[in-house]
Amino acid sequence: MFYFKTWKRLTENFHIICIDLLGFGRSSRPKFKCKTSEEAEDFFVLSIEKWREQMQLDSFSICCHSFGGYVMGRYALRFSDNIKKIIFLSSLGVDHVPEDIDQGLENFHCTLRFAKRAVFRLQKYLPRFIQTINPYSPLRVLGRMSGVFLKRETRMNMKKMPEEEFEIIYRYLYQVTLKPASAESAIHVLFTRNFIPKHPLIEAIDAPDGFKARGIDTCFIYGDSDWLDMNMNGPKVSAVLAEEGHNVHVLEDSDHHLFFDNVEGLLKIIEAQFKEE
């Protein structure tokens, strides 16, 4: 649903298949019982591989966003023969683990709006069972009343979207958010405090058994005001990637939702990745 502005153009030159990760969006919602990062990784990676087998796809390229970027990165490392190229759109879990976690978190918090900053800082002092609550559980408790809060937060994150398009996206988000809790709990298993990855993807690019060694091309795209384009050690993730010689782009007039904010710019970057093939 989020990619509806890109579909028409991309289908002119590519065969496009959009999928929801297991436990998200319109996919089924099995109970998430994983306790370790290995179990959580299997939950997603093996379901994607089963989907690939059912679709009878020998190999394909991936364009993946946010949490989906981290999951598909882990999939590619395990089933590299199936993957030709990965385009990471503002993906979670790319950056290095902070050398000083407390200072790194402080750097991260300073990039957030006041309300979010307060919530993240408070989280450190909450009991473990509250820290690991499903992100959408409070909205599910509120039931239909949750629409008021969800609409306000969605509008703040999608300020540039025309009202008609916003209403469509909001209704979709409202429907899927109130579906039974499932795989969003994985964020507490695959990551430590406040989105710090246990297995950063940046360490898998040039590793002896990483993306390059397996013949997988990678491309990283961030918005110029992207909250995920921040390395908690200091420099932005995009700057670190570029300095190390990786294929990275920073899209103007965009935040985390690149496919809403600068559609034309994003499409040009994506299409350019396949021109030499």
C-alpha atoms as a PDB file:
ATOM      1  CA  MET A   1       0.000   0.000   0.000  1.00  0.00           C
ATOM      2  CA  PHE A   2       2.763   2.474   0.912  1.00  0.00           C
ATOM      3  CA  TYR A   3       4.364   2.143  -2.520  1.00  0.00           C
ATOM      4  CA  PHE A   4       1.295   3.010  -4.593  1.00  0.00           C
ATOM      5  CA  LYS A   5       2.925   6.165  -5.990  1.00  0.00           C
ATOM      6  CA  THR A   6       5.782   4.141  -7.493  1.00  0.00           C
ATOM      7  CA  TRP A   7       3.968   1.129  -8.927  1.00  0.00           C
ATOM      8  CA  LYS A   8       2.719   2.514 -12.242  1.00  0.00           C
ATOM      9  CA  ARG A   9       6.091   3.869 -13.320  1.00  0.00           C
ATOM     10  CA  LEU A  10       8.077   0.827 -12.206  1.00  0.00           C
ATOM     11  CA  THR A  11       5.743  -1.647 -13.904  1.00  0.00           C
ATOM     12  CA  GLU A  12       6.658  -0.078 -17.247  1.00  0.00           C
ATOM     13  CA  ASN A  13      10.080  -1.765 -17.047  1.00  0.00           C
ATOM     14  CA  PHE A  14       9.892  -4.284 -14.203  1.00  0.00           C
ATOM     15  CA  HIS A  15       7.722  -7.124 -12.958  1.00  0.00           C
ATOM     16  CA  ILE A  16       6.727  -5.895  -9.497  1.00  0.00           C
ATOM     17  CA  ILE A  17       5.582  -8.052  -6.575  1.00  0.00           C
ATOM     18  CA  CYS A  18       4.754  -6.369  -3.258  1.00  0.00           C
ATOM     19  CA  ILE A  19       4.584  -8.458  -0.105  1.00  0.00           C
ATOM     20  CA  ASP A  20       3.886  -7.809   3.567  1.00  0.00           C
ATOM     21  CA  LEU A  21       6.178  -9.502   6.045  1.00  0.00           C
ATOM     22  CA  LEU A  22       4.567 -12.282   8.058  1.00  0.00           C
ATOM     23  CA  GLY A  23       2.712 -10.696  10.978  1.00  0.00           C
ATOM     24  CA  PHE A  24       2.468  -7.241   9.380  1.00  0.00           C
ATOM     25  CA  GLY A  25       0.060  -5.408   7.100  1.00  0.00           C
ATOM     26  CA  ARG A  26      -2.513  -7.698   5.495  1.00  0.00           C
ATOM     27  CA  SER A  27      -0.472 -10.869   6.066  1.00  0.00           C
ATOM     28  CA  SER A  28      -1.627 -13.480   8.567  1.00  0.00           C
ATOM     29  CA  ARG A  29      -0.947 -12.793  12.249  1.00  0.00           C
ATOM     30  CA  PRO A  30       0.525 -15.867  13.952  1.00  0.00           C
ATOM     31  CA  LYS A  31       1.481 -15.560  17.594  1.00  0.00           C
ATOM     32  CA  PHE A  32       5.069 -14.396  17.928  1.00  0.00           C
ATOM     33  CA  LYS A  33       6.793 -16.612  20.501  1.00  0.00           C
ATOM     34  CA  CYS A  34      10.459 -16.069  19.604  1.00  0.00           C
ATOM     35  CA  LYS A  35      12.793 -15.380  22.518  1.00  0.00           C
ATOM     36  CA  THR A  36      16.160 -15.103  20.745  1.00  0.00           C
ATOM     37  CA  SER A  37      17.372 -13.140  17.727  1.00  0.00           C
ATOM     38  CA  GLU A  38      18.064 -16.438  15.940  1.00  0.00           C
ATOM     39  CA  GLU A  39      14.461 -17.584  16.433  1.00  0.00           C
ATOM     40  CA  ALA A  40      13.119 -14.187  15.348  1.00  0.00           C
ATOM     41  CA  GLU A  41      15.295 -14.210  12.246  1.00  0.00           C
ATOM     42  CA  ASP A  42      14.026 -17.690  11.338  1.00  0.00           C
ATOM     43  CA  PHE A  43      10.429 -16.481  11.803  1.00  0.00           C
ATOM     44  CA  PHE A  44      10.822 -13.977   8.979  1.00  0.00           C
ATOM     45  CA  VAL A  45      13.564 -15.431   6.803  1.00  0.00           C
ATOM     46  CA  LEU A  46      12.097 -18.917   6.483  1.00  0.00           C
ATOM     47  CA  SER A  47       8.627 -17.546   5.739  1.00  0.00           C
ATOM     48  CA  ILE A  48      10.083 -15.404   2.931  1.00  0.00           C
ATOM     49  CA  GLU A  49      11.923 -18.398   1.517  1.00  0.00           C
ATOM     50  CA  LYS A  50       8.735 -20.460   1.600  1.00  0.00           C
ATOM     51  CA  TRP A  51       6.959 -17.618  -0.221  1.00  0.00           C
ATOM     52  CA  ARG A  52       9.729 -17.560  -2.863  1.00  0.00           C
ATOM     53  CA  GLU A  53       9.379 -21.283  -3.417  1.00  0.00           C
ATOM     54  CA  GLN A  54       5.603 -21.005  -3.788  1.00  0.00           C
ATOM     55  CA  MET A  55       6.064 -18.157  -6.286  1.00  0.00           C
ATOM     56  CA  GLN A  56       8.673 -20.252  -8.171  1.00  0.00           C
ATOM     57  CA  LEU A  57      11.136 -17.364  -8.334  1.00  0.00           C
ATOM     58  CA  ASP A  58      14.697 -18.413  -9.130  1.00  0.00           C
ATOM     59  CA  SER A  59      16.212 -15.008  -8.366  1.00  0.00           C
ATOM     60  CA  PHE A  60      15.005 -11.482  -7.815  1.00  0.00           C
ATOM     61  CA  SER A  61      16.003  -8.003  -6.665  1.00  0.00           C
ATOM     62  CA  ILE A  62      14.629  -6.481  -3.472  1.00  0.00           C
ATOM     63  CA  CYS A  63      13.567  -2.950  -2.623  1.00  0.00           C
ATOM     64  CA  CYS A  64      12.883  -2.869   1.109  1.00  0.00           C
ATOM     65  CA  HIS A  65      12.017  -0.194   3.668  1.00  0.00           C
ATOM     66  CA  SER A  66      12.698   0.403   7.382  1.00  0.00           C
ATOM     67  CA  PHE A  67      12.303  -2.796   9.462  1.00  0.00           C
ATOM     68  CA  GLY A  68      11.690  -4.728   6.245  1.00  0.00           C
ATOM     69  CA  GLY A  69      15.150  -3.655   5.081  1.00  0.00           C
ATOM     70  CA  TYR A  70      16.800  -5.265   8.072  1.00  0.00           C
ATOM     71  CA  VAL A  71      14.817  -8.485   7.646  1.00  0.00           C
ATOM     72  CA  MET A  72      15.513  -8.741   3.914  1.00  0.00           C
ATOM     73  CA  GLY A  73      19.187  -8.030   4.537  1.00  0.00           C
ATOM     74  CA  ARG A  74      19.325 -11.009   6.879  1.00  0.00           C
ATOM     75  CA  TYR A  75      17.415 -13.104   4.313  1.00  0.00           C
ATOM     76  CA  ALA A  76      19.922 -12.218   1.596  1.00  0.00           C
ATOM     77  CA  LEU A  77      22.831 -13.347   3.752  1.00  0.00           C
ATOM     78  CA  ARG A  78      21.259 -16.773   4.204  1.00  0.00           C
ATOM     79  CA  PHE A  79      19.770 -17.283   0.748  1.00  0.00           C
ATOM     80  CA  SER A  80      22.226 -15.296  -1.356  1.00  0.00           C
ATOM     81  CA  ASP A  81      21.772 -17.471  -4.463  1.00  0.00           C
ATOM     82  CA  ASN A  82      18.242 -16.071  -4.783  1.00  0.00           C
ATOM     83  CA  ILE A  83      19.190 -12.380  -4.618  1.00  0.00           C
ATOM     84  CA  LYS A  84      20.678 -10.167  -7.327  1.00  0.00           C
ATOM     85  CA  LYS A  85      20.390  -6.703  -5.819  1.00  0.00           C
ATOM     86  CA  ILE A  86      19.102  -5.060  -2.649  1.00  0.00           C
ATOM     87  CA  ILE A  87      17.936  -1.447  -2.481  1.00  0.00           C
ATOM     88  CA  PHE A  88      17.625  -0.396   1.145  1.00  0.00           C
ATOM     89  CA  LEU A  89      15.171   2.471   1.672  1.00  0.00           C
ATOM     90  CA  SER A  90      15.868   4.126   5.024  1.00  0.00           C
ATOM     91  CA  SER A  91      16.455   0.691   6.527  1.00  0.00           C
ATOM     92  CA  LEU A  92      16.614  -0.052  10.211  1.00  0.00           C
ATOM     93  CA  GLY A  93      19.649  -1.784  11.701  1.00  0.00           C
ATOM     94  CA  VAL A  94      22.273  -0.635   9.210  1.00  0.00           C
ATOM     95  CA  ASP A  95      24.524   1.399  11.493  1.00  0.00           C
ATOM     96  CA  HIS A  96      27.282   0.285  13.850  1.00  0.00           C
ATOM     97  CA  VAL A  97      26.523  -0.385  17.501  1.00  0.00           C
ATOM     98  CA  PRO A  98      27.515   2.752  19.480  1.00  0.00           C
ATOM     99  CA  GLU A  99      30.845   2.615  21.258  1.00  0.00           C
ATOM    100  CA  ASP A 100      29.156   4.409  24.171  1.00  0.00           C
ATOM    101  CA  ILE A 101      25.518   3.331  24.143  1.00  0.00           C
ATOM    102  CA  ASP A 102      24.284   5.958  26.602  1.00  0.00           C
ATOM    103  CA  GLN A 103      25.926   8.798  24.679  1.00  0.00           C
ATOM    104  CA  GLY A 104      24.805   7.297  21.408  1.00  0.00           C
ATOM    105  CA  LEU A 105      21.209   7.183  22.603  1.00  0.00           C
ATOM    106  CA  GLU A 106      21.467  10.793  23.756  1.00  0.00           C
ATOM    107  CA  ASN A 107      22.660  11.754  20.256  1.00  0.00           C
ATOM    108  CA  PHE A 108      19.703   9.903  18.789  1.00  0.00           C
ATOM    109  CA  HIS A 109      17.165  11.410  21.172  1.00  0.00           C
ATOM    110  CA  CYS A 110      18.288  14.923  20.274  1.00  0.00           C
ATOM    111  CA  THR A 111      17.103  14.344  16.695  1.00  0.00           C
ATOM    112  CA  LEU A 112      13.520  13.603  17.786  1.00  0.00           C
ATOM    113  CA  ARG A 113      10.557  15.840  18.500  1.00  0.00           C
ATOM    114  CA  PHE A 114       9.966  16.605  22.191  1.00  0.00           C
ATOM    115  CA  ALA A 115       7.155  14.073  22.734  1.00  0.00           C
ATOM    116  CA  LYS A 116       9.050  11.179  21.138  1.00  0.00           C
ATOM    117  CA  ARG A 117      12.245  12.197  22.910  1.00  0.00           C
ATOM    118  CA  ALA A 118      10.464  12.065  26.261  1.00  0.00           C
ATOM    119  CA  VAL A 119       9.009   8.622  25.541  1.00  0.00           C
ATOM    120  CA  PHE A 120      12.356   7.147  24.482  1.00  0.00           C
ATOM    121  CA  ARG A 121      14.165   8.593  27.488  1.00  0.00           C
ATOM    122  CA  LEU A 122      11.495   7.348  29.865  1.00  0.00           C
ATOM    123  CA  GLN A 123      11.736   3.858  28.380  1.00  0.00           C
ATOM    124  CA  LYS A 124      15.150   3.344  29.976  1.00  0.00           C
ATOM    125  CA  TYR A 125      13.599   3.463  33.443  1.00  0.00           C
ATOM    126  CA  LEU A 126      10.549   1.299  32.787  1.00  0.00           C
ATOM    127  CA  PRO A 127      10.320  -2.345  33.933  1.00  0.00           C
ATOM    128  CA  ARG A 128      11.411  -4.857  31.317  1.00  0.00           C
ATOM    129  CA  PHE A 129       7.892  -6.205  30.762  1.00  0.00           C
ATOM    130  CA  ILE A 130       6.682  -2.703  29.840  1.00  0.00           C
ATOM    131  CA  GLN A 131       9.716  -1.959  27.657  1.00  0.00           C
ATOM    132  CA  THR A 132       8.945  -4.993  25.505  1.00  0.00           C
ATOM    133  CA  ILE A 133       5.232  -4.358  25.080  1.00  0.00           C
ATOM    134  CA  ASN A 134       3.931  -4.459  21.505  1.00  0.00           C
ATOM    135  CA  PRO A 135       4.283  -0.972  19.972  1.00  0.00           C
ATOM    136  CA  TYR A 136       0.609  -0.851  18.961  1.00  0.00           C
ATOM    137  CA  SER A 137      -0.834  -2.412  22.116  1.00  0.00           C
ATOM    138  CA  PRO A 138      -1.971   0.946  23.588  1.00  0.00           C
ATOM    139  CA  LEU A 139      -3.910   1.663  20.400  1.00  0.00           C
ATOM    140  CA  ARG A 140      -5.546  -1.760  20.503  1.00  0.00           C
ATOM    141  CA  VAL A 141      -6.629  -1.133  24.095  1.00  0.00           C
ATOM    142  CA  LEU A 142      -8.277   2.136  23.035  1.00  0.00           C
ATOM    143  CA  GLY A 143     -10.104   0.393  20.200  1.00  0.00           C
ATOM    144  CA  ARG A 144     -11.935   2.828  17.923  1.00  0.00           C
ATOM    145  CA  MET A 145     -10.756   5.773  20.010  1.00  0.00           C
ATOM    146  CA  SER A 146      -7.235   5.006  18.796  1.00  0.00           C
ATOM    147  CA  GLY A 147      -8.120   6.555  15.451  1.00  0.00           C
ATOM    148  CA  VAL A 148      -7.772  10.048  16.910  1.00  0.00           C
ATOM    149  CA  PHE A 149      -4.179   9.482  18.039  1.00  0.00           C
ATOM    150  CA  LEU A 150      -3.189   7.472  14.982  1.00  0.00           C
ATOM    151  CA  LYS A 151      -4.509  10.116  12.607  1.00  0.00           C
ATOM    152  CA  ARG A 152      -2.641  12.906  14.374  1.00  0.00           C
ATOM    153  CA  GLU A 153       0.667  11.015  14.417  1.00  0.00           C
ATOM    154  CA  THR A 154       0.281   9.878  10.812  1.00  0.00           C
ATOM    155  CA  ARG A 155      -0.396  13.415   9.625  1.00  0.00           C
ATOM    156  CA  MET A 156       2.686  14.717  11.469  1.00  0.00           C
ATOM    157  CA  ASN A 157       4.830  12.128   9.691  1.00  0.00           C
ATOM    158  CA  MET A 158       3.265  12.684   6.283  1.00  0.00           C
ATOM    159  CA  LYS A 159       2.906  16.450   6.172  1.00  0.00           C
ATOM    160  CA  LYS A 160       3.475  16.770   2.429  1.00  0.00           C
ATOM    161  CA  MET A 161       0.831  14.248   1.386  1.00  0.00           C
ATOM    162  CA  PRO A 162      -2.368  15.591  -0.257  1.00  0.00           C
ATOM    163  CA  GLU A 163      -5.465  15.173   1.913  1.00  0.00           C
ATOM    164  CA  GLU A 164      -7.174  12.646  -0.367  1.00  0.00           C
ATOM    165  CA  GLU A 165      -4.125  10.359  -0.424  1.00  0.00           C
ATOM    166  CA  PHE A 166      -3.598  10.825   3.292  1.00  0.00           C
ATOM    167  CA  GLU A 167      -7.145   9.640   4.071  1.00  0.00           C
ATOM    168  CA  ILE A 168      -6.566   6.444   2.074  1.00  0.00           C
ATOM    169  CA  ILE A 169      -3.291   5.701   3.860  1.00  0.00           C
ATOM    170  CA  TYR A 170      -4.775   6.553   7.246  1.00  0.00           C
ATOM    171  CA  ARG A 171      -7.721   4.175   6.751  1.00  0.00           C
ATOM    172  CA  TYR A 172      -5.316   1.408   5.748  1.00  0.00           C
ATOM    173  CA  LEU A 173      -3.095   2.030   8.793  1.00  0.00           C
ATOM    174  CA  TYR A 174      -6.121   2.110  11.086  1.00  0.00           C
ATOM    175  CA  GLN A 175      -7.325  -1.262   9.808  1.00  0.00           C
ATOM    176  CA  VAL A 176      -3.984  -3.068  10.015  1.00  0.00           C
ATOM    177  CA  THR A 177      -2.943  -1.492  13.336  1.00  0.00           C
ATOM    178  CA  LEU A 178      -6.003  -2.839  15.132  1.00  0.00           C
ATOM    179  CA  LYS A 179      -5.482  -6.357  13.807  1.00  0.00           C
ATOM    180  CA  PRO A 180      -4.169  -8.851  16.421  1.00  0.00           C
ATOM    181  CA  ALA A 181      -0.633  -8.278  17.715  1.00  0.00           C
ATOM    182  CA  SER A 182       2.009 -10.401  16.068  1.00  0.00           C
ATOM    183  CA  ALA A 183       5.446  -9.812  14.607  1.00  0.00           C
ATOM    184  CA  GLU A 184       5.987  -6.229  15.804  1.00  0.00           C
ATOM    185  CA  SER A 185       7.297  -7.810  19.015  1.00  0.00           C
ATOM    186  CA  ALA A 186      10.346  -8.874  16.996  1.00  0.00           C
ATOM    187  CA  ILE A 187      11.768  -5.377  17.264  1.00  0.00           C
ATOM    188  CA  HIS A 188      12.528  -6.055  20.938  1.00  0.00           C
ATOM    189  CA  VAL A 189      14.261  -9.346  20.086  1.00  0.00           C
ATOM    190  CA  LEU A 190      16.328  -8.337  17.053  1.00  0.00           C
ATOM    191  CA  PHE A 191      17.364  -4.998  18.523  1.00  0.00           C
ATOM    192  CA  THR A 192      18.584  -3.802  21.883  1.00  0.00           C
ATOM    193  CA  ARG A 193      17.688  -0.407  23.339  1.00  0.00           C
ATOM    194  CA  ASN A 194      15.953   1.995  20.947  1.00  0.00           C
ATOM    195  CA  PHE A 195      16.621   0.283  17.602  1.00  0.00           C
ATOM    196  CA  ILE A 196      20.275  -0.623  18.198  1.00  0.00           C
ATOM    197  CA  PRO A 197      20.850  -3.719  16.009  1.00  0.00           C
ATOM    198  CA  LYS A 198      22.416  -6.822  17.472  1.00  0.00           C
ATOM    199  CA  HIS A 199      23.823  -7.670  14.029  1.00  0.00           C
ATOM    200  CA  PRO A 200      24.350  -4.402  12.075  1.00  0.00           C
ATOM    201  CA  LEU A 201      23.967  -4.727   8.313  1.00  0.00           C
ATOM    202  CA  ILE A 202      26.892  -2.376   7.674  1.00  0.00           C
ATOM    203  CA  GLU A 203      29.205  -5.080   9.012  1.00  0.00           C
ATOM    204  CA  ALA A 204      27.848  -7.548   6.424  1.00  0.00           C
ATOM    205  CA  ILE A 205      28.659  -5.514   3.311  1.00  0.00           C
ATOM    206  CA  ASP A 206      32.386  -6.162   2.997  1.00  0.00           C
ATOM    207  CA  ALA A 207      32.650  -9.155   5.333  1.00  0.00           C
ATOM    208  CA  PRO A 208      34.324 -12.319   3.937  1.00  0.00           C
ATOM    209  CA  ASP A 209      30.861 -13.908   3.761  1.00  0.00           C
ATOM    210  CA  GLY A 210      28.935 -10.660   3.252  1.00  0.00           C
ATOM    211  CA  PHE A 211      26.929  -9.117   0.422  1.00  0.00           C
ATOM    212  CA  LYS A 212      29.832  -8.295  -1.893  1.00  0.00           C
ATOM    213  CA  ALA A 213      31.501 -11.669  -1.429  1.00  0.00           C
ATOM    214  CA  ARG A 214      28.212 -13.338  -2.350  1.00  0.00           C
ATOM    215  CA  GLY A 215      27.820 -11.232  -5.501  1.00  0.00           C
ATOM    216  CA  ILE A 216      24.904  -9.143  -4.197  1.00  0.00           C
ATOM    217  CA  ASP A 217      24.813  -5.477  -5.209  1.00  0.00           C
ATOM    218  CA  THR A 218      23.623  -3.080  -2.517  1.00  0.00           C
ATOM    219  CA  CYS A 219      22.241   0.443  -2.675  1.00  0.00           C
ATOM    220  CA  PHE A 220      21.273   2.597   0.314  1.00  0.00           C
ATOM    221  CA  ILE A 221      18.839   5.507   0.013  1.00  0.00           C
ATOM    222  CA  TYR A 222      18.008   7.992   2.780  1.00  0.00           C
ATOM    223  CA  GLY A 223      15.982  11.186   2.964  1.00  0.00           C
ATOM    224  CA  ASP A 224      17.835  14.415   3.720  1.00  0.00           C
ATOM    225  CA  SER A 225      15.760  14.775   6.924  1.00  0.00           C
ATOM    226  CA  ASP A 226      15.591  11.055   7.659  1.00  0.00           C
ATOM    227  CA  TRP A 227      15.588  10.173  11.357  1.00  0.00           C
ATOM    228  CA  LEU A 228      17.206   6.823  10.534  1.00  0.00           C
ATOM    229  CA  ASP A 229      20.127   8.496   8.772  1.00  0.00           C
ATOM    230  CA  MET A 230      21.967   8.807  12.031  1.00  0.00           C
ATOM    231  CA  ASN A 231      24.885   6.841  13.361  1.00  0.00           C
ATOM    232  CA  MET A 232      24.792   7.003  17.144  1.00  0.00           C
ATOM    233  CA  ASN A 233      28.585   7.248  17.190  1.00  0.00           C
ATOM    234  CA  GLY A 234      28.349  10.667  15.513  1.00  0.00           C
ATOM    235  CA  PRO A 235      28.432  10.807  11.677  1.00  0.00           C
ATOM    236  CA  LYS A 236      25.333  10.079   9.657  1.00  0.00           C
ATOM    237  CA  VAL A 237      24.947   6.547   8.340  1.00  0.00           C
ATOM    238  CA  SER A 238      24.869   7.793   4.741  1.00  0.00           C
ATOM    239  CA  ALA A 239      28.151   9.664   5.288  1.00  0.00           C
ATOM    240  CA  VAL A 240      29.813   6.569   6.769  1.00  0.00           C
ATOM    241  CA  LEU A 241      28.630   4.408   3.873  1.00  0.00           C
ATOM    242  CA  ALA A 242      29.768   6.960   1.272  1.00  0.00           C
ATOM    243  CA  GLU A 243      33.187   7.346   2.910  1.00  0.00           C
ATOM    244  CA  GLU A 244      33.648   3.580   2.743  1.00  0.00           C
ATOM    245  CA  GLY A 245      32.859   3.664  -0.986  1.00  0.00           C
ATOM    246  CA  HIS A 246      29.399   2.125  -0.933  1.00  0.00           C
ATOM    247  CA  ASN A 247      26.501   2.963  -3.236  1.00  0.00           C
ATOM    248  CA  VAL A 248      24.519   5.481  -1.178  1.00  0.00           C
ATOM    249  CA  HIS A 249      22.124   8.298  -2.049  1.00  0.00           C
ATOM    250  CA  VAL A 250      20.528  11.066   0.013  1.00  0.00           C
ATOM    251  CA  LEU A 251      17.213  12.170  -1.455  1.00  0.00           C
ATOM    252  CA  GLU A 252      16.254  15.831  -1.226  1.00  0.00           C
ATOM    253  CA  ASP A 253      13.020  16.968   0.441  1.00  0.00           C
ATOM    254  CA  SER A 254      12.434  13.575   2.053  1.00  0.00           C
ATOM    255  CA  ASP A 255      12.271  11.993   5.455  1.00  0.00           C
ATOM    256  CA  HIS A 256      11.749   8.341   6.420  1.00  0.00           C
ATOM    257  CA  HIS A 257       8.847   7.948   3.947  1.00  0.00           C
ATOM    258  CA  LEU A 258      10.828   8.452   0.753  1.00  0.00           C
ATOM    259  CA  PHE A 259       8.128   6.983  -1.451  1.00  0.00           C
ATOM    260  CA  PHE A 260       5.695   9.740  -0.437  1.00  0.00           C
ATOM    261  CA  ASP A 261       7.948  12.785  -0.220  1.00  0.00           C
ATOM    262  CA  ASN A 262      10.032  12.754  -3.419  1.00  0.00           C
ATOM    263  CA  VAL A 263       8.626  10.090  -5.699  1.00  0.00           C
ATOM    264  CA  GLU A 264      10.303  11.305  -8.890  1.00  0.00           C
ATOM    265  CA  GLY A 265      13.730  11.535  -7.259  1.00  0.00           C
ATOM    266  CA  LEU A 266      13.368   8.092  -5.727  1.00  0.00           C
ATOM    267  CA  LEU A 267      12.279   6.495  -8.999  1.00  0.00           C
ATOM    268  CA  LYS A 268      15.236   7.991 -10.854  1.00  0.00           C
ATOM    269  CA  ILE A 269      17.661   6.482  -8.347  1.00  0.00           C
ATOM    270  CA  ILE A 270      15.980   3.066  -8.448  1.00  0.00           C
ATOM    271  CA  GLU A 271      15.823   2.956 -12.244  1.00  0.00           C
ATOM    272  CA  ALA A 272      19.481   3.990 -12.500  1.00  0.00           C
ATOM    273  CA  GLN A 273      20.489   0.945 -10.440  1.00  0.00           C
ATOM    274  CA  PHE A 274      19.344  -1.368 -13.261  1.00  0.00           C
ATOM    275  CA  LYS A 275      20.523   0.548 -16.356  1.00  0.00           C
ATOM    276  CA  GLU A 276      23.778  -1.383 -16.632  1.00  0.00           C
ATOM    277  CA  GLU A 277      22.074  -4.778 -16.439  1.00  0.00           C
END
